[in-house]
N, C-alpha and C. Protein backbone atom coordinates (compact mmCIF):
# COMPACT_ATOMS: atom_id res chain seq x y z
N MET A 1 -27.03 -12.46 3.23
CA MET A 1 -26.15 -13.48 4.16
C MET A 1 -24.84 -13.14 4.04
N SER A 2 -24.10 -12.86 5.29
CA SER A 2 -22.22 -12.74 5.18
C SER A 2 -21.49 -14.01 5.10
N LYS A 3 -20.44 -13.68 4.31
CA LYS A 3 -19.52 -14.95 4.58
C LYS A 3 -19.08 -15.09 5.96
N SER A 4 -18.62 -16.37 6.19
CA SER A 4 -17.89 -16.44 7.54
C SER A 4 -16.53 -16.50 7.30
N ASP A 5 -15.82 -16.13 8.33
CA ASP A 5 -14.48 -15.80 8.26
C ASP A 5 -13.73 -16.90 8.62
N PRO A 6 -12.75 -17.77 7.82
CA PRO A 6 -12.52 -18.83 7.93
C PRO A 6 -11.15 -18.81 9.21
N VAL A 7 -10.36 -17.69 9.09
CA VAL A 7 -9.46 -17.47 10.34
C VAL A 7 -10.28 -17.54 11.87
N ALA A 8 -11.30 -16.49 11.82
CA ALA A 8 -12.21 -16.35 13.01
C ALA A 8 -12.64 -17.57 13.27
N ASP A 9 -13.32 -18.58 12.34
CA ASP A 9 -13.68 -19.90 12.60
C ASP A 9 -12.99 -20.95 13.24
N ALA A 10 -11.51 -20.46 12.60
CA ALA A 10 -10.52 -21.62 13.17
C ALA A 10 -9.94 -21.32 14.43
N LEU A 11 -10.06 -19.94 14.90
CA LEU A 11 -9.44 -19.58 16.07
C LEU A 11 -10.53 -19.74 17.09
N ALA A 12 -11.84 -19.95 16.82
CA ALA A 12 -12.85 -20.28 17.78
C ALA A 12 -12.75 -21.59 18.21
N ARG A 13 -12.58 -22.60 16.98
CA ARG A 13 -12.17 -23.91 17.29
C ARG A 13 -11.31 -24.15 18.22
N LEU A 14 -9.83 -23.71 17.78
CA LEU A 14 -8.66 -23.61 18.71
C LEU A 14 -9.13 -23.11 20.11
N LYS A 15 -9.84 -22.29 20.29
CA LYS A 15 -10.16 -21.79 21.35
C LYS A 15 -10.75 -22.83 22.42
N ALA A 16 -11.74 -23.64 21.76
CA ALA A 16 -12.59 -24.90 22.19
C ALA A 16 -11.66 -25.70 22.42
N CYS A 17 -10.39 -26.06 21.90
CA CYS A 17 -9.46 -27.02 22.26
C CYS A 17 -8.89 -27.00 23.37
N ALA A 18 -8.56 -25.55 23.64
CA ALA A 18 -7.75 -25.44 24.92
C ALA A 18 -8.25 -26.21 26.17
N ALA A 19 -9.55 -26.33 26.03
CA ALA A 19 -10.29 -26.90 27.33
C ALA A 19 -9.95 -28.36 27.39
N ASP A 20 -9.73 -29.07 26.16
CA ASP A 20 -9.48 -30.79 26.37
C ASP A 20 -8.55 -30.64 25.29
N PRO A 21 -7.16 -30.48 25.51
CA PRO A 21 -6.17 -30.38 24.13
C PRO A 21 -5.73 -31.58 23.73
N ARG A 22 -5.85 -32.69 24.68
CA ARG A 22 -5.36 -33.83 24.11
C ARG A 22 -6.49 -34.71 23.88
N SER A 23 -7.56 -34.39 23.58
CA SER A 23 -8.69 -35.20 22.80
C SER A 23 -8.19 -35.12 21.33
N ALA A 24 -9.01 -36.38 20.48
CA ALA A 24 -8.59 -36.79 19.35
C ALA A 24 -8.95 -35.64 18.40
N ALA A 25 -9.95 -35.12 18.49
CA ALA A 25 -10.55 -33.87 17.97
C ALA A 25 -9.66 -32.56 17.96
N SER A 26 -9.31 -32.43 19.31
CA SER A 26 -8.54 -31.25 19.60
C SER A 26 -6.97 -31.47 18.71
N LEU A 27 -6.44 -32.45 18.84
CA LEU A 27 -5.27 -32.99 18.06
C LEU A 27 -5.33 -32.69 16.98
N ALA A 28 -6.43 -33.11 16.31
CA ALA A 28 -6.35 -32.98 14.48
C ALA A 28 -6.63 -31.62 14.30
N GLU A 29 -7.53 -30.91 15.10
CA GLU A 29 -7.32 -29.27 15.09
C GLU A 29 -6.35 -28.68 15.19
N ILE A 30 -5.49 -28.94 15.82
CA ILE A 30 -4.06 -28.32 16.16
C ILE A 30 -3.20 -29.01 14.92
N THR A 31 -3.46 -29.74 14.93
CA THR A 31 -2.58 -30.38 13.26
C THR A 31 -2.92 -29.46 12.04
N LYS A 32 -4.25 -29.30 12.15
CA LYS A 32 -4.69 -28.82 10.93
C LYS A 32 -4.16 -26.81 10.93
N ALA A 33 -4.27 -26.62 11.97
CA ALA A 33 -4.13 -25.20 12.26
C ALA A 33 -2.11 -24.89 11.97
N LEU A 34 -1.53 -25.90 12.35
CA LEU A 34 0.00 -26.01 12.17
C LEU A 34 0.27 -25.96 10.99
N ALA A 35 -0.32 -26.86 10.24
CA ALA A 35 -0.06 -27.03 8.48
C ALA A 35 -1.01 -25.88 7.60
N GLY A 36 -2.03 -25.24 8.30
CA GLY A 36 -2.54 -24.29 7.23
C GLY A 36 -1.65 -23.03 7.05
N LYS A 37 -2.23 -22.07 6.50
CA LYS A 37 -1.76 -20.54 6.00
C LYS A 37 -1.82 -19.67 6.83
N SER A 38 -2.78 -19.59 7.85
CA SER A 38 -2.96 -18.51 8.74
C SER A 38 -2.17 -18.55 9.88
N ASN A 39 -1.40 -17.53 9.75
CA ASN A 39 -0.55 -17.21 10.91
C ASN A 39 -1.10 -16.99 12.11
N LEU A 40 -2.07 -16.75 12.55
CA LEU A 40 -2.80 -16.45 13.37
C LEU A 40 -3.27 -17.77 14.01
N SER A 41 -3.78 -18.49 13.38
CA SER A 41 -4.09 -20.02 13.84
C SER A 41 -3.00 -20.99 14.20
N ALA A 42 -1.83 -20.69 13.40
CA ALA A 42 -0.65 -21.30 13.93
C ALA A 42 0.09 -21.07 15.07
N ALA A 43 -0.17 -19.73 15.68
CA ALA A 43 0.00 -19.05 16.83
C ALA A 43 -0.81 -19.30 18.04
N LYS A 44 -1.93 -19.27 17.51
CA LYS A 44 -2.93 -20.29 18.78
C LYS A 44 -2.81 -21.75 18.88
N ALA A 45 -2.33 -22.13 17.96
CA ALA A 45 -1.99 -23.63 18.35
C ALA A 45 -0.74 -23.85 19.05
N ALA A 46 0.22 -23.22 18.75
CA ALA A 46 1.44 -23.19 19.44
C ALA A 46 1.35 -22.72 20.78
N ASP A 47 0.32 -21.73 20.99
CA ASP A 47 0.09 -21.78 22.58
C ASP A 47 -0.52 -22.58 23.33
N ILE A 48 -1.43 -23.30 22.78
CA ILE A 48 -1.96 -24.40 23.18
C ILE A 48 -0.95 -25.60 23.53
N ILE A 49 -0.46 -25.83 22.40
CA ILE A 49 0.77 -26.86 22.51
C ILE A 49 1.77 -26.68 23.72
N ALA A 50 2.17 -25.26 24.04
CA ALA A 50 2.90 -24.84 24.84
C ALA A 50 2.32 -25.00 26.27
N THR A 51 1.10 -24.69 26.42
CA THR A 51 0.43 -24.90 27.71
C THR A 51 0.21 -26.54 28.00
N ALA A 52 -0.39 -27.03 27.10
CA ALA A 52 -0.52 -28.54 27.38
C ALA A 52 0.70 -29.41 27.40
N LYS A 53 2.18 -28.89 27.23
CA LYS A 53 3.22 -29.60 26.82
C LYS A 53 2.91 -31.20 25.92
N LEU A 54 2.36 -30.73 24.71
CA LEU A 54 2.46 -31.64 23.73
C LEU A 54 3.50 -31.77 22.89
N ALA A 55 4.44 -32.50 23.49
CA ALA A 55 5.86 -32.92 22.89
C ALA A 55 5.62 -33.50 21.59
N GLN A 56 4.61 -34.11 21.24
CA GLN A 56 4.50 -34.76 19.73
C GLN A 56 4.62 -33.87 18.89
N PHE A 57 4.25 -32.74 19.23
CA PHE A 57 4.12 -31.71 17.86
C PHE A 57 5.48 -31.01 17.40
N VAL A 58 6.58 -31.25 18.22
CA VAL A 58 7.92 -30.50 18.09
C VAL A 58 8.32 -30.47 16.85
N ASP A 59 8.07 -31.63 15.81
CA ASP A 59 8.18 -31.66 14.25
C ASP A 59 7.47 -30.86 13.69
N GLN A 60 6.09 -31.14 13.84
CA GLN A 60 5.03 -29.87 13.28
C GLN A 60 5.68 -28.58 13.43
N LEU A 61 5.76 -28.20 14.65
CA LEU A 61 6.22 -26.69 15.01
C LEU A 61 7.47 -26.32 14.25
N THR A 62 8.29 -27.20 14.21
CA THR A 62 9.82 -26.95 13.54
C THR A 62 9.47 -26.70 11.98
N ALA A 63 8.39 -27.48 11.50
CA ALA A 63 7.95 -27.21 9.92
C ALA A 63 7.32 -26.16 9.89
N ALA A 64 6.55 -25.90 10.74
CA ALA A 64 5.84 -24.67 10.41
C ALA A 64 6.65 -23.33 10.58
N PHE A 65 7.40 -23.28 11.51
CA PHE A 65 8.36 -22.39 11.80
C PHE A 65 9.03 -22.06 10.22
N ASP A 66 9.79 -23.18 9.82
CA ASP A 66 10.26 -23.19 8.41
C ASP A 66 9.56 -22.37 7.40
N ARG A 67 8.14 -22.93 7.53
CA ARG A 67 7.26 -22.53 6.33
C ARG A 67 7.13 -20.99 6.36
N PHE A 68 6.90 -20.40 7.45
CA PHE A 68 6.72 -19.05 7.84
C PHE A 68 7.87 -18.34 7.35
N MET A 69 8.77 -18.67 7.86
CA MET A 69 10.26 -18.03 7.12
C MET A 69 10.43 -17.73 5.85
N GLN A 70 9.74 -18.38 5.05
CA GLN A 70 9.49 -18.43 3.66
C GLN A 70 8.63 -17.35 3.25
N LYS A 71 9.23 -16.09 2.72
CA LYS A 71 8.26 -14.89 2.26
C LYS A 71 7.78 -14.46 3.91
N PRO A 72 8.42 -14.15 4.55
CA PRO A 72 7.80 -14.01 5.90
C PRO A 72 6.78 -12.68 6.14
N THR A 73 7.17 -11.67 5.21
CA THR A 73 6.28 -10.45 5.48
C THR A 73 4.80 -10.83 4.73
N ALA A 74 4.62 -11.75 3.80
CA ALA A 74 3.64 -12.25 3.31
C ALA A 74 2.66 -13.13 4.13
N THR A 75 3.67 -14.39 4.77
CA THR A 75 3.20 -15.24 5.39
C THR A 75 2.88 -15.45 6.81
N ASP A 76 3.63 -14.16 7.72
CA ASP A 76 3.55 -14.19 8.88
C ASP A 76 3.83 -12.78 9.36
N LYS A 77 2.96 -12.06 8.77
CA LYS A 77 3.10 -10.37 9.10
C LYS A 77 2.81 -10.51 10.60
N GLY A 78 3.52 -9.59 10.88
CA GLY A 78 3.62 -9.15 12.35
C GLY A 78 4.68 -10.50 13.25
N CYS A 79 5.41 -11.23 12.61
CA CYS A 79 6.11 -12.29 13.07
C CYS A 79 5.33 -13.21 14.15
N THR A 80 4.01 -13.01 14.24
CA THR A 80 3.36 -13.61 15.11
C THR A 80 3.47 -15.32 15.20
N ALA A 81 3.38 -16.00 14.27
CA ALA A 81 3.33 -17.48 14.24
C ALA A 81 4.93 -17.89 14.96
N LYS A 82 5.74 -17.39 13.93
CA LYS A 82 7.25 -17.80 14.53
C LYS A 82 7.42 -17.58 15.92
N THR A 83 7.16 -16.28 16.48
CA THR A 83 7.37 -16.18 18.00
C THR A 83 6.77 -17.06 18.78
N ALA A 84 5.29 -17.06 18.54
CA ALA A 84 4.64 -18.42 19.54
C ALA A 84 5.14 -19.62 19.26
N ILE A 85 5.73 -20.35 18.23
CA ILE A 85 6.55 -21.36 17.90
C ILE A 85 7.55 -21.72 18.43
N ALA A 86 8.28 -20.50 18.32
CA ALA A 86 9.69 -20.58 19.01
C ALA A 86 9.36 -20.62 20.65
N LYS A 87 8.44 -19.73 21.20
CA LYS A 87 8.07 -19.91 22.64
C LYS A 87 7.89 -21.15 23.12
N ALA A 88 6.89 -21.79 22.50
CA ALA A 88 6.35 -23.01 22.62
C ALA A 88 7.40 -24.13 22.65
N LEU A 89 8.27 -23.92 21.42
CA LEU A 89 9.68 -25.17 21.58
C LEU A 89 10.43 -24.91 22.74
N TYR A 90 10.63 -23.68 23.04
CA TYR A 90 11.49 -23.57 24.19
C TYR A 90 10.91 -23.71 25.58
N GLU A 91 9.55 -23.51 25.85
CA GLU A 91 8.94 -24.11 27.07
C GLU A 91 9.07 -25.54 26.78
N MET A 92 8.98 -26.36 25.94
CA MET A 92 8.98 -27.66 26.12
C MET A 92 10.39 -28.31 26.03
N GLU A 93 11.48 -27.39 26.12
CA GLU A 93 12.81 -27.65 26.17
C GLU A 93 13.18 -28.60 25.17
N SER A 94 12.58 -28.21 23.67
CA SER A 94 12.95 -29.09 22.65
C SER A 94 14.35 -28.56 22.22
N PRO A 95 15.35 -29.72 21.69
CA PRO A 95 16.49 -29.43 21.20
C PRO A 95 16.60 -28.96 19.75
N VAL A 96 16.09 -27.69 19.68
CA VAL A 96 15.95 -27.15 18.34
C VAL A 96 16.96 -25.77 18.30
N GLN A 97 18.33 -25.89 18.62
CA GLN A 97 19.17 -24.75 18.78
C GLN A 97 19.19 -24.13 17.05
N GLU A 98 19.24 -24.77 16.23
CA GLU A 98 19.71 -24.13 15.00
C GLU A 98 18.37 -23.66 14.59
N LEU A 99 17.38 -23.75 15.03
CA LEU A 99 15.95 -23.17 14.56
C LEU A 99 16.02 -21.96 15.53
N PHE A 100 16.50 -21.84 16.73
CA PHE A 100 16.61 -20.69 17.89
C PHE A 100 17.84 -19.56 17.10
N LEU A 101 18.78 -20.42 16.73
CA LEU A 101 19.77 -19.22 16.34
C LEU A 101 19.50 -18.55 14.99
N ARG A 102 18.73 -19.15 14.19
CA ARG A 102 18.01 -18.94 13.05
C ARG A 102 16.88 -17.37 13.30
N GLY A 103 16.26 -17.97 14.37
CA GLY A 103 15.33 -17.06 14.96
C GLY A 103 15.85 -15.52 15.37
N ILE A 104 17.01 -15.79 16.11
CA ILE A 104 18.05 -14.70 16.76
C ILE A 104 18.35 -13.77 15.57
N ARG A 105 18.65 -14.42 14.46
CA ARG A 105 19.18 -13.49 13.43
C ARG A 105 18.07 -12.93 12.47
N HIS A 106 17.02 -13.39 12.58
CA HIS A 106 15.67 -12.95 11.62
C HIS A 106 15.40 -11.66 11.92
N VAL A 107 15.50 -10.86 10.86
CA VAL A 107 14.67 -9.24 10.44
C VAL A 107 13.80 -9.42 9.71
N GLN A 108 12.78 -8.68 9.95
CA GLN A 108 11.62 -8.76 9.12
C GLN A 108 10.99 -7.35 9.29
N MET A 109 11.17 -6.66 7.91
CA MET A 109 11.04 -5.28 7.92
C MET A 109 9.51 -5.31 7.05
N GLU A 110 8.45 -4.68 7.68
CA GLU A 110 7.36 -4.61 7.18
C GLU A 110 6.84 -3.18 7.04
N PRO A 111 5.95 -2.74 5.92
CA PRO A 111 5.50 -1.29 5.94
C PRO A 111 4.64 -1.01 7.07
N VAL A 112 4.70 0.17 7.37
CA VAL A 112 4.03 1.02 8.40
C VAL A 112 3.71 2.39 7.89
N TRP A 113 3.03 3.04 8.56
CA TRP A 113 2.91 4.22 7.99
C TRP A 113 4.27 5.09 8.38
N GLY A 114 4.72 5.82 7.04
CA GLY A 114 5.53 6.63 7.33
C GLY A 114 7.16 6.05 6.80
N GLY A 115 6.93 4.47 6.83
CA GLY A 115 8.30 3.95 6.16
C GLY A 115 7.99 2.32 6.66
N GLN A 116 9.03 1.74 7.33
CA GLN A 116 8.94 0.10 7.67
C GLN A 116 9.45 0.13 9.15
N ALA A 117 9.12 -0.95 9.62
CA ALA A 117 9.40 -1.29 11.13
C ALA A 117 9.80 -2.91 10.99
N ASP A 118 10.46 -3.12 11.77
CA ASP A 118 11.02 -4.77 12.24
C ASP A 118 10.10 -5.15 13.14
N THR A 119 9.46 -6.09 12.60
CA THR A 119 8.42 -7.07 13.47
C THR A 119 8.96 -7.90 13.94
N ALA A 120 10.20 -8.35 13.91
CA ALA A 120 10.63 -9.53 14.31
C ALA A 120 11.58 -9.64 15.96
N ALA A 121 11.56 -8.03 16.30
CA ALA A 121 12.21 -7.73 17.32
C ALA A 121 11.78 -8.53 18.75
N ASP A 122 10.48 -9.03 18.89
CA ASP A 122 10.01 -9.88 19.94
C ASP A 122 10.69 -11.27 19.76
N LEU A 123 10.73 -11.71 18.76
CA LEU A 123 11.47 -12.94 18.27
C LEU A 123 12.70 -12.76 18.82
N ARG A 124 13.58 -11.72 18.19
CA ARG A 124 14.77 -12.17 18.69
C ARG A 124 14.79 -11.83 20.13
N GLY A 125 14.27 -11.06 20.89
CA GLY A 125 14.51 -10.68 22.22
C GLY A 125 14.01 -12.02 23.02
N LEU A 126 13.06 -12.75 22.65
CA LEU A 126 12.57 -14.11 23.51
C LEU A 126 13.89 -14.87 23.06
N LEU A 127 14.27 -15.14 22.19
CA LEU A 127 15.38 -16.35 21.58
C LEU A 127 16.64 -15.79 22.52
N ARG A 128 17.08 -14.63 22.30
CA ARG A 128 18.23 -14.20 22.98
C ARG A 128 18.37 -14.17 24.49
N ALA A 129 17.12 -13.94 24.98
CA ALA A 129 17.01 -14.21 26.57
C ALA A 129 17.12 -16.06 26.92
N ARG A 130 16.60 -16.64 25.97
CA ARG A 130 16.39 -17.98 26.27
C ARG A 130 17.82 -18.48 26.06
N THR A 131 18.68 -18.18 25.17
CA THR A 131 19.69 -18.55 24.71
C THR A 131 20.73 -18.37 25.76
N ARG A 132 20.36 -17.32 26.33
CA ARG A 132 21.56 -16.65 27.58
C ARG A 132 21.42 -17.66 28.41
N ALA A 133 20.04 -18.17 28.91
CA ALA A 133 19.81 -18.81 30.19
C ALA A 133 20.30 -20.05 29.69
N ASN A 134 20.29 -20.88 28.55
CA ASN A 134 20.86 -21.97 28.37
C ASN A 134 22.16 -22.14 27.80
N GLN A 135 23.14 -21.05 27.81
CA GLN A 135 24.36 -20.82 27.27
C GLN A 135 24.59 -21.32 26.01
N LEU A 136 23.45 -20.96 24.96
CA LEU A 136 23.68 -21.48 23.63
C LEU A 136 24.61 -20.60 22.97
N PRO A 137 25.19 -20.69 22.14
CA PRO A 137 25.84 -19.47 21.27
C PRO A 137 25.05 -18.65 20.24
N ALA A 138 24.99 -17.43 20.80
CA ALA A 138 24.22 -16.35 19.99
C ALA A 138 24.90 -15.62 19.17
N THR A 139 25.50 -16.20 18.10
CA THR A 139 26.24 -15.38 16.91
C THR A 139 25.60 -14.81 16.02
N ARG A 140 25.99 -13.79 15.65
CA ARG A 140 25.34 -13.17 14.76
C ARG A 140 25.85 -13.39 13.29
């Protein structure tokens, strides 16, 4: 008998949450995903939050972003969670300018075949475009 994959299971539960994101069960699953260790689950939760405009999660999104900024190559490989969280916060027009500015400056070098690559380029590009649109200072 094979073991189940906890990340795949969480992603499946989150996919089901997308149908009714405001239900008590969905809100609990989204909360659990944002607080968990899986960057993929947190990214999926952030996507659901953005689509449903669940503004009650702004503080939890911010906390998750901060957590994934700690040892980012270990906690958020590919910068997946941080990018999805930043996108969700922007789409909900959250006043988290300091988080956006930290994201603009973030560089995340990860090992790839033949060397290293910066996986935070999408995060920086997303936030630079957003800060220009909103006239936020995009200093380095």
